[in-house]
């Protein structure tokens, strides 16, 4: 279809993504096609900003893309950005909407996503300056160091960290999931699903959460409360800031894998 990128994942794939807000949780073929389009768009925009692929130190563009839409809101702080965009789309062509509103090289949401991606990984901030040609250009300022700590929207803390630091966060997240499942005597995949639902703001009363846990509404809320207490206990003895965005990303990634597509 005219106006769509060659890497367009397809209407069905994007409709599934808008329901789940997670590329990995979409069906096999859909997940692969979506990942290819997201990865292609992210790295293309990275290049437009003047950065080579290795500037993001191997960070996963697909995970950041999903996390961006989970964390961001718009005029209504309780409405996820993806829902707001879907509402704006109305009955229009989803392919034109995705390739235009989301991924347009001129004015797509991809600009905002990749700016935050660079800031998350490098700690660099963009500044719009008028160049010698009279046109506005982005100039990047590397303001962060390994010890830099900044507060981000949503209560998270950004701390410029190395690949080693991120590996430690991922290990903590995996150990936490094992420990909490053992303490609660609940299958790890069910705990992972619950934590993933909590991270996405999905209420415990939702049909998918109740089905995954195999309990009623009142029981689901109690399980959630107990689960969150066990998470707090686990991290209480660790030298880590539980509001750190890198830790949040690691927990989501671990839970995505452990929950499994069958749930």
Foldseek 3Di string as FASTA:
>chain_A
DPQFDPLDLDPVLVVVCLVVLALLLDDDSSSVSVLVVQVVLLQVLCVVLPHHPCLLVPDRSRLLSSVQQLQDDPPDRVDGPSNVLVVVCPPHDVRNSCCPQARPSPHHPSNVSNQVSSCLAQVKHWDWDQDPVRDTHIDIDRDADQADWDADPPRAIRGHHDPVVLVVLLVLLLVLLVQLCVVVVHDSLLLLVLVLCVSSVNQCQDPVNCVSRVHHNVVSVVSSVSSVVSSCVSCVPPPDDPRHVSSVSSNNVNSSVSNDNVD
